[in-house]
Amino acid sequence: MFGWRRSTPAESDARVGSAGDAPGTPAPEPQNCPSLAKVLARTFKGERPAILDLGPLCGEGVVRLASRGARVTVERFRPPEAPPARKPGDPPWEPPPFRLDQPDEAFDLVLVWEHLDFTPPERLGEVATELRRILRPGGALLAFCLARSDEPAQRIPRYRVLDDDRLVREIEDGPRLRRFVHPNREIERGLAGLAIQGIHLQRNQMREFVAIRS
């Protein structure tokens, strides 16, 4: 189990999770992320760990992790479609299957970042099933989820890993996608098959979820 504690106000103000959504603004300041430090410390206990970064591609972070001996894979996350509005008498909707283009039990760590927030609640289970499929037994997952948002649609951000416990959150040009605010219970239920090790709430309403494939 990881050791978790509540943030102090000073720490919380400095940590990851600004929800801003304007590309082209001045580069944000690096932010501390103790959850990342914990999962990386656990992951790098193994020899040449395999890490999946659910992009967008950020070369600096990949190079930094690879320089420590990790085998890093990047795949751009494409959220599954939300169910359409249905009228009485409409046939059942058959969603296109969601699948990550990765082999079974391939990774010791998956960096999900904020992608669960762009997954419709009805399809969290499908995404979690794929995440569990590609994680090795004992592998870890790190995800960020907003506890509150005033914007129904946002651009998917990317993260640059500067150090084991320091990140920069960046917004790229691209389409705005619907963002969902999932309650903790909904995320935990959606991640069935993964053991939640900790949920860390920051003052800016960003939650850090760490889960392990048991």
N, C-alpha and C. Protein backbone atom coordinates (compact mmCIF):
# COMPACT_ATOMS: atom_id res chain seq x y z
N MET A 1 0.83 -1.20 0.00
CA MET A 1 0.00 0.00 0.00
C MET A 1 0.87 1.25 0.00
N PHE A 2 0.41 2.27 -0.65
CA PHE A 2 1.08 3.55 -0.60
C PHE A 2 0.70 4.27 0.67
N GLY A 3 1.59 5.14 1.15
CA GLY A 3 1.26 5.99 2.28
C GLY A 3 0.69 7.31 1.79
N TRP A 4 -0.49 7.69 2.25
CA TRP A 4 -1.16 8.90 1.79
C TRP A 4 -1.39 9.82 2.96
N ARG A 5 -1.39 11.11 2.70
CA ARG A 5 -1.70 12.10 3.73
C ARG A 5 -2.39 13.26 3.06
N ARG A 6 -3.12 14.05 3.84
CA ARG A 6 -3.81 15.21 3.30
C ARG A 6 -2.80 16.32 3.00
N SER A 7 -3.01 17.03 1.89
CA SER A 7 -2.13 18.12 1.53
C SER A 7 -2.31 19.29 2.47
N THR A 8 -1.22 20.00 2.72
CA THR A 8 -1.34 21.29 3.37
C THR A 8 -1.71 22.32 2.32
N PRO A 9 -2.30 23.47 2.67
CA PRO A 9 -2.68 24.47 1.66
C PRO A 9 -1.53 24.88 0.77
N ALA A 10 -0.34 25.06 1.33
CA ALA A 10 0.80 25.50 0.51
C ALA A 10 1.16 24.44 -0.51
N GLU A 11 1.15 23.16 -0.08
CA GLU A 11 1.48 22.09 -1.02
C GLU A 11 0.42 21.97 -2.09
N SER A 12 -0.83 22.03 -1.70
CA SER A 12 -1.91 21.84 -2.66
C SER A 12 -1.89 22.90 -3.74
N ASP A 13 -1.58 24.13 -3.39
CA ASP A 13 -1.55 25.20 -4.38
C ASP A 13 -0.48 24.94 -5.42
N ALA A 14 0.58 24.18 -5.05
CA ALA A 14 1.71 24.00 -5.95
C ALA A 14 1.60 22.76 -6.80
N ARG A 15 0.59 21.90 -6.55
CA ARG A 15 0.58 20.61 -7.20
C ARG A 15 -0.21 20.60 -8.49
N VAL A 16 -0.18 19.42 -9.10
CA VAL A 16 -0.71 19.27 -10.45
C VAL A 16 -2.22 19.45 -10.48
N GLY A 17 -2.73 19.88 -11.68
CA GLY A 17 -4.14 19.79 -11.90
C GLY A 17 -4.86 21.06 -12.28
N SER A 18 -4.18 22.10 -12.72
CA SER A 18 -4.91 23.26 -13.19
C SER A 18 -5.85 22.86 -14.30
N ALA A 19 -7.07 23.37 -14.26
CA ALA A 19 -8.08 22.95 -15.26
C ALA A 19 -8.18 23.93 -16.42
N GLY A 20 -7.23 24.84 -16.56
CA GLY A 20 -7.28 25.79 -17.66
C GLY A 20 -7.26 25.11 -19.01
N ASP A 21 -7.82 25.77 -20.02
CA ASP A 21 -8.00 25.11 -21.30
C ASP A 21 -7.72 26.06 -22.46
N ALA A 22 -6.71 26.89 -22.35
CA ALA A 22 -6.41 27.85 -23.41
C ALA A 22 -5.02 27.58 -23.99
N PRO A 23 -4.93 27.03 -25.22
CA PRO A 23 -3.62 26.82 -25.83
C PRO A 23 -2.96 28.15 -26.16
N GLY A 24 -1.64 28.12 -26.22
CA GLY A 24 -0.92 29.32 -26.60
C GLY A 24 -0.68 30.30 -25.48
N THR A 25 -1.10 29.99 -24.26
CA THR A 25 -0.85 30.86 -23.12
C THR A 25 0.58 30.62 -22.65
N PRO A 26 1.14 31.50 -21.81
CA PRO A 26 2.49 31.29 -21.31
C PRO A 26 2.64 29.92 -20.65
N ALA A 27 3.84 29.36 -20.79
CA ALA A 27 4.09 28.02 -20.26
C ALA A 27 3.82 28.00 -18.76
N PRO A 28 3.07 27.01 -18.25
CA PRO A 28 2.78 26.94 -16.83
C PRO A 28 4.02 26.57 -16.03
N GLU A 29 3.97 26.89 -14.76
CA GLU A 29 5.06 26.53 -13.87
C GLU A 29 5.03 25.03 -13.59
N PRO A 30 6.20 24.42 -13.41
CA PRO A 30 6.21 23.01 -12.99
C PRO A 30 5.46 22.84 -11.68
N GLN A 31 4.82 21.70 -11.53
CA GLN A 31 4.00 21.42 -10.35
C GLN A 31 4.41 20.10 -9.72
N ASN A 32 4.33 20.03 -8.41
CA ASN A 32 4.69 18.81 -7.70
C ASN A 32 3.57 17.78 -7.81
N CYS A 33 3.95 16.51 -7.86
CA CYS A 33 2.97 15.43 -7.93
C CYS A 33 3.49 14.24 -7.14
N PRO A 34 3.16 14.15 -5.84
CA PRO A 34 3.68 13.05 -5.03
C PRO A 34 3.18 11.68 -5.48
N SER A 35 1.99 11.62 -6.07
CA SER A 35 1.48 10.33 -6.53
C SER A 35 2.36 9.76 -7.64
N LEU A 36 2.82 10.63 -8.54
CA LEU A 36 3.72 10.18 -9.60
C LEU A 36 5.01 9.64 -9.00
N ALA A 37 5.56 10.34 -8.01
CA ALA A 37 6.79 9.88 -7.37
C ALA A 37 6.61 8.49 -6.76
N LYS A 38 5.45 8.25 -6.15
CA LYS A 38 5.20 6.96 -5.52
C LYS A 38 5.11 5.83 -6.55
N VAL A 39 4.37 6.07 -7.65
CA VAL A 39 4.24 4.98 -8.63
C VAL A 39 5.54 4.75 -9.38
N LEU A 40 6.32 5.81 -9.62
CA LEU A 40 7.60 5.61 -10.29
C LEU A 40 8.59 4.88 -9.38
N ALA A 41 8.60 5.21 -8.10
CA ALA A 41 9.49 4.51 -7.17
C ALA A 41 9.15 3.02 -7.15
N ARG A 42 7.86 2.72 -7.16
CA ARG A 42 7.44 1.32 -7.16
C ARG A 42 7.80 0.64 -8.47
N THR A 43 7.58 1.34 -9.59
CA THR A 43 7.81 0.77 -10.91
C THR A 43 9.29 0.51 -11.16
N PHE A 44 10.14 1.43 -10.74
CA PHE A 44 11.57 1.30 -11.03
C PHE A 44 12.29 0.35 -10.09
N LYS A 45 11.56 -0.32 -9.21
CA LYS A 45 12.17 -1.40 -8.45
C LYS A 45 12.46 -2.59 -9.35
N GLY A 46 11.73 -2.69 -10.44
CA GLY A 46 11.97 -3.76 -11.41
C GLY A 46 13.02 -3.36 -12.43
N GLU A 47 13.52 -4.34 -13.14
CA GLU A 47 14.55 -4.09 -14.16
C GLU A 47 13.88 -3.77 -15.49
N ARG A 48 14.26 -2.65 -16.09
CA ARG A 48 13.72 -2.20 -17.37
C ARG A 48 12.20 -2.26 -17.40
N PRO A 49 11.53 -1.51 -16.55
CA PRO A 49 10.06 -1.54 -16.53
C PRO A 49 9.48 -1.01 -17.83
N ALA A 50 8.29 -1.49 -18.15
CA ALA A 50 7.57 -1.04 -19.34
C ALA A 50 6.48 -0.06 -18.91
N ILE A 51 6.48 1.14 -19.50
CA ILE A 51 5.56 2.21 -19.14
C ILE A 51 4.78 2.64 -20.37
N LEU A 52 3.46 2.76 -20.22
CA LEU A 52 2.63 3.30 -21.29
C LEU A 52 2.16 4.69 -20.90
N ASP A 53 2.42 5.66 -21.76
CA ASP A 53 1.94 7.03 -21.60
C ASP A 53 0.80 7.22 -22.59
N LEU A 54 -0.42 7.42 -22.07
CA LEU A 54 -1.55 7.65 -22.97
C LEU A 54 -1.53 9.10 -23.44
N GLY A 55 -0.57 9.43 -24.26
CA GLY A 55 -0.25 10.69 -24.87
C GLY A 55 -1.27 11.80 -24.71
N PRO A 56 -1.19 12.86 -25.51
CA PRO A 56 -0.39 13.00 -26.73
C PRO A 56 1.12 12.90 -26.47
N LEU A 57 1.82 12.60 -27.53
CA LEU A 57 3.26 12.41 -27.45
C LEU A 57 3.95 13.64 -26.87
N CYS A 58 4.81 13.41 -25.90
CA CYS A 58 5.63 14.48 -25.33
C CYS A 58 7.03 13.93 -25.19
N GLY A 59 7.90 14.31 -26.11
CA GLY A 59 9.22 13.70 -26.19
C GLY A 59 10.06 13.85 -24.95
N GLU A 60 9.99 15.02 -24.30
CA GLU A 60 10.85 15.25 -23.15
C GLU A 60 10.58 14.26 -22.03
N GLY A 61 9.30 14.02 -21.74
CA GLY A 61 8.97 13.08 -20.69
C GLY A 61 9.37 11.66 -21.04
N VAL A 62 9.18 11.27 -22.30
CA VAL A 62 9.57 9.93 -22.74
C VAL A 62 11.07 9.75 -22.60
N VAL A 63 11.83 10.75 -23.03
CA VAL A 63 13.30 10.66 -22.95
C VAL A 63 13.74 10.54 -21.49
N ARG A 64 13.10 11.30 -20.60
CA ARG A 64 13.49 11.27 -19.19
C ARG A 64 13.24 9.89 -18.58
N LEU A 65 12.09 9.32 -18.85
CA LEU A 65 11.79 8.00 -18.31
C LEU A 65 12.68 6.93 -18.94
N ALA A 66 12.90 7.06 -20.26
CA ALA A 66 13.75 6.08 -20.94
C ALA A 66 15.19 6.16 -20.46
N SER A 67 15.65 7.35 -20.09
CA SER A 67 17.03 7.51 -19.63
C SER A 67 17.28 6.77 -18.32
N ARG A 68 16.21 6.46 -17.61
CA ARG A 68 16.33 5.70 -16.36
C ARG A 68 16.21 4.21 -16.59
N GLY A 69 16.09 3.81 -17.85
CA GLY A 69 16.05 2.39 -18.18
C GLY A 69 14.67 1.85 -18.50
N ALA A 70 13.65 2.71 -18.52
CA ALA A 70 12.31 2.23 -18.83
C ALA A 70 12.13 2.06 -20.33
N ARG A 71 11.27 1.14 -20.69
CA ARG A 71 10.82 0.99 -22.08
C ARG A 71 9.48 1.71 -22.17
N VAL A 72 9.47 2.82 -22.87
CA VAL A 72 8.31 3.71 -22.86
C VAL A 72 7.56 3.60 -24.19
N THR A 73 6.25 3.42 -24.09
CA THR A 73 5.36 3.39 -25.25
C THR A 73 4.38 4.54 -25.10
N VAL A 74 4.06 5.19 -26.22
CA VAL A 74 3.08 6.28 -26.21
C VAL A 74 1.94 5.91 -27.15
N GLU A 75 0.72 6.05 -26.66
CA GLU A 75 -0.46 5.86 -27.51
C GLU A 75 -1.43 7.00 -27.22
N ARG A 76 -1.88 7.66 -28.26
CA ARG A 76 -2.85 8.74 -28.09
C ARG A 76 -4.21 8.16 -27.73
N PHE A 77 -4.79 8.65 -26.67
CA PHE A 77 -6.08 8.16 -26.20
C PHE A 77 -7.21 8.78 -27.01
N ARG A 78 -8.06 7.93 -27.52
CA ARG A 78 -9.25 8.39 -28.24
C ARG A 78 -10.47 7.94 -27.45
N PRO A 79 -11.17 8.87 -26.81
CA PRO A 79 -12.27 8.48 -25.93
C PRO A 79 -13.34 7.70 -26.68
N PRO A 80 -13.95 6.71 -26.01
CA PRO A 80 -15.07 5.99 -26.65
C PRO A 80 -16.27 6.90 -26.80
N GLU A 81 -17.10 6.59 -27.78
CA GLU A 81 -18.28 7.41 -28.03
C GLU A 81 -19.29 7.30 -26.90
N ALA A 82 -20.00 8.39 -26.66
CA ALA A 82 -21.09 8.37 -25.68
C ALA A 82 -22.34 7.79 -26.34
N PRO A 83 -23.19 7.13 -25.57
CA PRO A 83 -24.45 6.63 -26.14
C PRO A 83 -25.29 7.78 -26.69
N PRO A 84 -25.91 7.61 -27.85
CA PRO A 84 -26.75 8.67 -28.39
C PRO A 84 -28.08 8.75 -27.64
N ALA A 85 -28.74 9.89 -27.76
CA ALA A 85 -30.09 10.01 -27.20
C ALA A 85 -31.02 9.06 -27.94
N ARG A 86 -31.84 8.36 -27.20
CA ARG A 86 -32.72 7.36 -27.82
C ARG A 86 -34.18 7.71 -27.57
N LYS A 87 -35.00 7.39 -28.55
CA LYS A 87 -36.44 7.57 -28.42
C LYS A 87 -37.08 6.21 -28.18
N PRO A 88 -38.26 6.19 -27.58
CA PRO A 88 -38.96 4.91 -27.40
C PRO A 88 -39.10 4.17 -28.73
N GLY A 89 -38.77 2.91 -28.71
CA GLY A 89 -38.87 2.11 -29.92
C GLY A 89 -37.58 2.03 -30.70
N ASP A 90 -36.58 2.87 -30.40
CA ASP A 90 -35.29 2.79 -31.09
C ASP A 90 -34.62 1.46 -30.75
N PRO A 91 -33.90 0.88 -31.70
CA PRO A 91 -33.19 -0.37 -31.40
C PRO A 91 -32.05 -0.11 -30.43
N PRO A 92 -31.63 -1.12 -29.70
CA PRO A 92 -30.50 -0.95 -28.77
C PRO A 92 -29.26 -0.46 -29.51
N TRP A 93 -28.54 0.44 -28.86
CA TRP A 93 -27.31 0.97 -29.45
C TRP A 93 -26.18 -0.02 -29.24
N GLU A 94 -25.46 -0.30 -30.30
CA GLU A 94 -24.30 -1.19 -30.21
C GLU A 94 -23.05 -0.35 -30.42
N PRO A 95 -22.36 0.00 -29.34
CA PRO A 95 -21.19 0.88 -29.47
C PRO A 95 -20.03 0.16 -30.14
N PRO A 96 -19.24 0.90 -30.92
CA PRO A 96 -18.02 0.29 -31.44
C PRO A 96 -17.11 -0.07 -30.28
N PRO A 97 -16.47 -1.22 -30.34
CA PRO A 97 -15.65 -1.66 -29.20
C PRO A 97 -14.49 -0.70 -28.95
N PHE A 98 -14.17 -0.52 -27.67
CA PHE A 98 -13.01 0.29 -27.30
C PHE A 98 -11.84 -0.65 -27.06
N ARG A 99 -10.72 -0.33 -27.68
CA ARG A 99 -9.53 -1.17 -27.50
C ARG A 99 -8.28 -0.32 -27.63
N LEU A 100 -7.34 -0.59 -26.74
CA LEU A 100 -6.01 0.01 -26.83
C LEU A 100 -5.14 -0.89 -27.70
N ASP A 101 -4.30 -0.28 -28.51
CA ASP A 101 -3.50 -1.02 -29.47
C ASP A 101 -2.22 -1.54 -28.80
N GLN A 102 -2.40 -2.35 -27.74
CA GLN A 102 -1.28 -2.86 -26.97
C GLN A 102 -1.53 -4.32 -26.61
N PRO A 103 -0.46 -5.10 -26.43
CA PRO A 103 -0.63 -6.52 -26.10
C PRO A 103 -1.05 -6.73 -24.64
N ASP A 104 -1.51 -7.94 -24.35
CA ASP A 104 -1.92 -8.30 -22.99
C ASP A 104 -0.72 -8.24 -22.03
N GLU A 105 -0.99 -7.77 -20.80
CA GLU A 105 -0.02 -7.82 -19.69
C GLU A 105 1.36 -7.31 -20.11
N ALA A 106 1.36 -6.17 -20.78
CA ALA A 106 2.61 -5.65 -21.34
C ALA A 106 3.29 -4.60 -20.47
N PHE A 107 2.57 -3.97 -19.51
CA PHE A 107 3.10 -2.79 -18.86
C PHE A 107 3.11 -2.90 -17.33
N ASP A 108 4.16 -2.32 -16.76
CA ASP A 108 4.28 -2.21 -15.31
C ASP A 108 3.60 -0.95 -14.79
N LEU A 109 3.41 0.04 -15.66
CA LEU A 109 2.78 1.30 -15.26
C LEU A 109 2.06 1.90 -16.47
N VAL A 110 0.84 2.37 -16.24
CA VAL A 110 0.10 3.10 -17.27
C VAL A 110 -0.23 4.48 -16.71
N LEU A 111 0.21 5.52 -17.42
CA LEU A 111 -0.07 6.90 -17.05
C LEU A 111 -1.30 7.34 -17.83
N VAL A 112 -2.43 7.39 -17.13
CA VAL A 112 -3.71 7.67 -17.78
C VAL A 112 -3.98 9.17 -17.86
N TRP A 113 -3.32 9.94 -16.98
CA TRP A 113 -3.52 11.39 -16.91
C TRP A 113 -5.01 11.72 -16.74
N GLU A 114 -5.60 12.61 -17.55
CA GLU A 114 -6.98 13.04 -17.33
C GLU A 114 -7.98 12.34 -18.25
N HIS A 115 -7.59 11.25 -18.86
CA HIS A 115 -8.42 10.68 -19.91
C HIS A 115 -9.71 10.05 -19.42
N LEU A 116 -9.76 9.60 -18.17
CA LEU A 116 -11.03 9.06 -17.68
C LEU A 116 -12.11 10.14 -17.66
N ASP A 117 -11.71 11.40 -17.49
CA ASP A 117 -12.69 12.49 -17.49
C ASP A 117 -13.34 12.70 -18.85
N PHE A 118 -12.74 12.18 -19.91
CA PHE A 118 -13.32 12.32 -21.24
C PHE A 118 -14.01 11.02 -21.69
N THR A 119 -14.17 10.11 -20.74
CA THR A 119 -14.84 8.84 -21.00
C THR A 119 -16.27 8.89 -20.47
N PRO A 120 -17.28 8.62 -21.29
CA PRO A 120 -18.66 8.62 -20.79
C PRO A 120 -18.82 7.64 -19.63
N PRO A 121 -19.63 7.98 -18.63
CA PRO A 121 -19.77 7.09 -17.48
C PRO A 121 -20.22 5.69 -17.85
N GLU A 122 -21.06 5.58 -18.91
CA GLU A 122 -21.55 4.25 -19.33
C GLU A 122 -20.42 3.37 -19.87
N ARG A 123 -19.26 3.97 -20.18
CA ARG A 123 -18.20 3.21 -20.83
C ARG A 123 -16.91 3.16 -20.01
N LEU A 124 -16.98 3.65 -18.77
CA LEU A 124 -15.81 3.56 -17.90
C LEU A 124 -15.35 2.11 -17.73
N GLY A 125 -16.32 1.21 -17.60
CA GLY A 125 -15.96 -0.20 -17.42
C GLY A 125 -15.19 -0.77 -18.58
N GLU A 126 -15.55 -0.37 -19.82
CA GLU A 126 -14.83 -0.85 -21.00
C GLU A 126 -13.38 -0.36 -21.00
N VAL A 127 -13.21 0.91 -20.67
CA VAL A 127 -11.85 1.47 -20.63
C VAL A 127 -11.04 0.78 -19.54
N ALA A 128 -11.65 0.58 -18.37
CA ALA A 128 -10.94 -0.08 -17.27
C ALA A 128 -10.56 -1.51 -17.63
N THR A 129 -11.44 -2.20 -18.36
CA THR A 129 -11.13 -3.56 -18.78
C THR A 129 -9.89 -3.59 -19.66
N GLU A 130 -9.79 -2.61 -20.57
CA GLU A 130 -8.60 -2.53 -21.42
C GLU A 130 -7.35 -2.20 -20.61
N LEU A 131 -7.48 -1.26 -19.66
CA LEU A 131 -6.34 -0.91 -18.83
C LEU A 131 -5.87 -2.11 -18.02
N ARG A 132 -6.82 -2.85 -17.49
CA ARG A 132 -6.44 -4.04 -16.72
C ARG A 132 -5.79 -5.09 -17.64
N ARG A 133 -6.31 -5.22 -18.85
CA ARG A 133 -5.78 -6.21 -19.79
C ARG A 133 -4.31 -5.97 -20.09
N ILE A 134 -3.92 -4.70 -20.27
CA ILE A 134 -2.55 -4.41 -20.68
C ILE A 134 -1.59 -4.29 -19.51
N LEU A 135 -2.12 -4.21 -18.27
CA LEU A 135 -1.26 -4.15 -17.10
C LEU A 135 -0.81 -5.55 -16.69
N ARG A 136 0.44 -5.66 -16.29
CA ARG A 136 0.91 -6.90 -15.72
C ARG A 136 0.35 -7.06 -14.30
N PRO A 137 0.21 -8.27 -13.81
CA PRO A 137 -0.19 -8.44 -12.40
C PRO A 137 0.77 -7.66 -11.50
N GLY A 138 0.22 -6.84 -10.63
CA GLY A 138 1.04 -5.98 -9.79
C GLY A 138 1.37 -4.65 -10.41
N GLY A 139 0.97 -4.45 -11.68
CA GLY A 139 1.24 -3.18 -12.36
C GLY A 139 0.36 -2.06 -11.81
N ALA A 140 0.83 -0.82 -11.99
CA ALA A 140 0.16 0.35 -11.40
C ALA A 140 -0.43 1.24 -12.49
N LEU A 141 -1.42 2.01 -12.07
CA LEU A 141 -2.11 2.97 -12.93
C LEU A 141 -2.20 4.28 -12.17
N LEU A 142 -1.94 5.40 -12.87
CA LEU A 142 -2.08 6.73 -12.28
C LEU A 142 -3.03 7.53 -13.16
N ALA A 143 -4.10 8.07 -12.55
CA ALA A 143 -5.09 8.86 -13.30
C ALA A 143 -5.42 10.12 -12.51
N PHE A 144 -5.68 11.21 -13.24
CA PHE A 144 -6.13 12.47 -12.65
C PHE A 144 -7.58 12.70 -13.07
N CYS A 145 -8.44 13.08 -12.13
CA CYS A 145 -9.85 13.34 -12.43
C CYS A 145 -10.30 14.57 -11.65
N LEU A 146 -10.93 15.50 -12.35
CA LEU A 146 -11.45 16.68 -11.67
C LEU A 146 -12.68 16.31 -10.84
N ALA A 147 -12.75 16.89 -9.65
CA ALA A 147 -13.92 16.71 -8.79
C ALA A 147 -15.01 17.71 -9.11
N ARG A 148 -14.64 18.77 -9.85
CA ARG A 148 -15.62 19.80 -10.21
C ARG A 148 -15.12 20.52 -11.44
N SER A 149 -16.02 20.85 -12.35
CA SER A 149 -15.63 21.58 -13.55
C SER A 149 -16.80 22.44 -14.01
N ASP A 150 -16.51 23.67 -14.38
CA ASP A 150 -17.54 24.58 -14.88
C ASP A 150 -17.62 24.58 -16.40
N GLU A 151 -16.72 23.82 -17.05
CA GLU A 151 -16.69 23.79 -18.51
C GLU A 151 -17.13 22.41 -19.00
N PRO A 152 -18.23 22.31 -19.74
CA PRO A 152 -18.69 20.99 -20.19
C PRO A 152 -17.82 20.37 -21.27
N ALA A 153 -17.03 21.18 -21.96
CA ALA A 153 -16.15 20.66 -23.02
C ALA A 153 -14.78 21.31 -22.89
N GLN A 154 -13.74 20.49 -23.03
CA GLN A 154 -12.37 20.98 -22.91
C GLN A 154 -11.48 20.22 -23.88
N ARG A 155 -10.29 20.75 -24.08
CA ARG A 155 -9.28 20.03 -24.85
C ARG A 155 -8.54 19.07 -23.91
N ILE A 156 -8.18 17.93 -24.45
CA ILE A 156 -7.44 16.96 -23.64
C ILE A 156 -6.01 17.49 -23.44
N PRO A 157 -5.57 17.64 -22.20
CA PRO A 157 -4.22 18.14 -21.97
C PRO A 157 -3.17 17.04 -22.11
N ARG A 158 -1.93 17.45 -22.15
CA ARG A 158 -0.84 16.49 -22.07
C ARG A 158 0.05 16.90 -20.91
N TYR A 159 0.89 15.95 -20.46
CA TYR A 159 1.76 16.19 -19.32
C TYR A 159 3.21 15.91 -19.71
N ARG A 160 4.07 16.81 -19.30
CA ARG A 160 5.52 16.59 -19.45
C ARG A 160 6.08 16.22 -18.09
N VAL A 161 6.77 15.09 -18.04
CA VAL A 161 7.41 14.64 -16.80
C VAL A 161 8.80 15.28 -16.73
N LEU A 162 8.98 16.15 -15.75
CA LEU A 162 10.26 16.83 -15.58
C LEU A 162 11.18 16.09 -14.62
N ASP A 163 10.59 15.47 -13.63
CA ASP A 163 11.33 14.71 -12.63
C ASP A 163 10.35 13.71 -12.03
N ASP A 164 10.83 12.89 -11.12
CA ASP A 164 9.94 11.88 -10.56
C ASP A 164 8.68 12.46 -9.94
N ASP A 165 8.78 13.65 -9.39
CA ASP A 165 7.62 14.23 -8.72
C ASP A 165 7.24 15.60 -9.26
N ARG A 166 7.66 15.89 -10.50
CA ARG A 166 7.36 17.21 -11.06
C ARG A 166 6.85 17.07 -12.49
N LEU A 167 5.76 17.81 -12.77
CA LEU A 167 5.09 17.75 -14.06
C LEU A 167 4.79 19.15 -14.56
N VAL A 168 4.55 19.23 -15.87
CA VAL A 168 3.98 20.44 -16.46
C VAL A 168 2.76 20.00 -17.25
N ARG A 169 1.64 20.65 -17.03
CA ARG A 169 0.39 20.38 -17.74
C ARG A 169 0.28 21.37 -18.90
N GLU A 170 0.09 20.87 -20.11
CA GLU A 170 0.03 21.72 -21.29
C GLU A 170 -1.23 21.44 -22.09
N ILE A 171 -1.73 22.49 -22.75
CA ILE A 171 -2.89 22.35 -23.61
C ILE A 171 -2.46 22.54 -25.06
N GLU A 172 -2.81 21.57 -25.90
CA GLU A 172 -2.51 21.66 -27.32
C GLU A 172 -3.72 22.16 -28.08
N ASP A 173 -3.49 22.69 -29.28
CA ASP A 173 -4.61 23.01 -30.16
C ASP A 173 -5.34 21.70 -30.52
N GLY A 174 -6.62 21.79 -30.62
CA GLY A 174 -7.39 20.61 -30.97
C GLY A 174 -8.84 20.80 -30.59
N PRO A 175 -9.66 19.82 -30.91
CA PRO A 175 -11.10 19.96 -30.64
C PRO A 175 -11.40 19.90 -29.15
N ARG A 176 -12.45 20.60 -28.77
CA ARG A 176 -12.97 20.46 -27.41
C ARG A 176 -13.87 19.23 -27.36
N LEU A 177 -13.67 18.42 -26.34
CA LEU A 177 -14.46 17.21 -26.15
C LEU A 177 -15.22 17.31 -24.84
N ARG A 178 -16.32 16.61 -24.78
CA ARG A 178 -17.12 16.64 -23.55
C ARG A 178 -16.32 16.08 -22.38
N ARG A 179 -16.38 16.80 -21.27
CA ARG A 179 -15.69 16.36 -20.06
C ARG A 179 -16.74 15.97 -19.01
N PHE A 180 -16.54 14.80 -18.42
CA PHE A 180 -17.47 14.28 -17.42
C PHE A 180 -16.84 14.39 -16.04
N VAL A 181 -17.63 14.72 -15.05
CA VAL A 181 -17.16 14.72 -13.66
C VAL A 181 -17.71 13.46 -13.01
N HIS A 182 -16.85 12.47 -12.83
CA HIS A 182 -17.27 11.18 -12.28
C HIS A 182 -17.10 11.20 -10.76
N PRO A 183 -18.13 10.87 -10.00
CA PRO A 183 -17.96 10.71 -8.55
C PRO A 183 -16.94 9.61 -8.24
N ASN A 184 -16.32 9.70 -7.06
CA ASN A 184 -15.34 8.68 -6.67
C ASN A 184 -15.90 7.28 -6.79
N ARG A 185 -17.14 7.11 -6.30
CA ARG A 185 -17.73 5.76 -6.32
C ARG A 185 -17.88 5.24 -7.74
N GLU A 186 -18.22 6.13 -8.67
CA GLU A 186 -18.38 5.72 -10.07
C GLU A 186 -17.05 5.29 -10.66
N ILE A 187 -15.98 6.00 -10.33
CA ILE A 187 -14.66 5.64 -10.83
C ILE A 187 -14.21 4.31 -10.22
N GLU A 188 -14.40 4.15 -8.92
CA GLU A 188 -14.00 2.91 -8.27
C GLU A 188 -14.79 1.72 -8.84
N ARG A 189 -16.09 1.93 -9.08
CA ARG A 189 -16.91 0.86 -9.66
C ARG A 189 -16.45 0.57 -11.09
N GLY A 190 -16.13 1.64 -11.85
CA GLY A 190 -15.66 1.47 -13.22
C GLY A 190 -14.34 0.75 -13.30
N LEU A 191 -13.48 0.95 -12.29
CA LEU A 191 -12.16 0.33 -12.27
C LEU A 191 -12.19 -1.03 -11.57
N ALA A 192 -13.32 -1.70 -11.60
CA ALA A 192 -13.43 -3.03 -11.00
C ALA A 192 -12.34 -3.93 -11.58
N GLY A 193 -11.70 -4.70 -10.70
CA GLY A 193 -10.58 -5.54 -11.12
C GLY A 193 -9.24 -4.89 -10.85
N LEU A 194 -9.26 -3.60 -10.52
CA LEU A 194 -8.06 -2.90 -10.10
C LEU A 194 -8.26 -2.45 -8.65
N ALA A 195 -7.25 -2.61 -7.83
CA ALA A 195 -7.35 -2.25 -6.42
C ALA A 195 -6.92 -0.80 -6.23
N ILE A 196 -7.85 0.06 -5.81
CA ILE A 196 -7.52 1.46 -5.56
C ILE A 196 -6.63 1.55 -4.33
N GLN A 197 -5.47 2.15 -4.50
CA GLN A 197 -4.51 2.29 -3.40
C GLN A 197 -4.63 3.64 -2.70
N GLY A 198 -5.13 4.64 -3.40
CA GLY A 198 -5.26 5.95 -2.79
C GLY A 198 -5.95 6.92 -3.71
N ILE A 199 -6.70 7.85 -3.11
CA ILE A 199 -7.33 8.95 -3.83
C ILE A 199 -6.89 10.22 -3.13
N HIS A 200 -6.18 11.06 -3.85
CA HIS A 200 -5.58 12.26 -3.24
C HIS A 200 -6.24 13.49 -3.85
N LEU A 201 -6.96 14.25 -3.04
CA LEU A 201 -7.66 15.44 -3.53
C LEU A 201 -6.82 16.68 -3.30
N GLN A 202 -6.58 17.41 -4.38
CA GLN A 202 -5.86 18.67 -4.29
C GLN A 202 -6.81 19.84 -4.07
N ARG A 203 -6.30 20.95 -3.63
CA ARG A 203 -7.14 22.11 -3.37
C ARG A 203 -7.82 22.64 -4.62
N ASN A 204 -7.18 22.41 -5.75
CA ASN A 204 -7.77 22.88 -7.02
C ASN A 204 -8.78 21.87 -7.58
N GLN A 205 -9.20 20.92 -6.75
CA GLN A 205 -10.24 19.96 -7.09
C GLN A 205 -9.80 18.87 -8.06
N MET A 206 -8.49 18.70 -8.24
CA MET A 206 -8.00 17.57 -9.03
C MET A 206 -7.73 16.39 -8.10
N ARG A 207 -8.28 15.24 -8.47
CA ARG A 207 -8.04 14.03 -7.70
C ARG A 207 -6.97 13.17 -8.39
N GLU A 208 -6.09 12.60 -7.61
CA GLU A 208 -5.08 11.67 -8.11
C GLU A 208 -5.48 10.26 -7.65
N PHE A 209 -5.71 9.38 -8.62
CA PHE A 209 -6.06 8.00 -8.33
C PHE A 209 -4.86 7.09 -8.63
N VAL A 210 -4.52 6.26 -7.68
CA VAL A 210 -3.52 5.22 -7.92
C VAL A 210 -4.19 3.87 -7.72
N ALA A 211 -4.06 2.99 -8.70
CA ALA A 211 -4.66 1.66 -8.63
C ALA A 211 -3.64 0.62 -9.06
N ILE A 212 -3.79 -0.58 -8.55
CA ILE A 212 -2.89 -1.69 -8.83
C ILE A 212 -3.70 -2.86 -9.39
N ARG A 213 -3.14 -3.52 -10.39
CA ARG A 213 -3.76 -4.77 -10.84
C ARG A 213 -3.37 -5.87 -9.88
N SER A 214 -4.34 -6.38 -9.15
CA SER A 214 -4.07 -7.39 -8.12
C SER A 214 -4.05 -8.77 -8.74
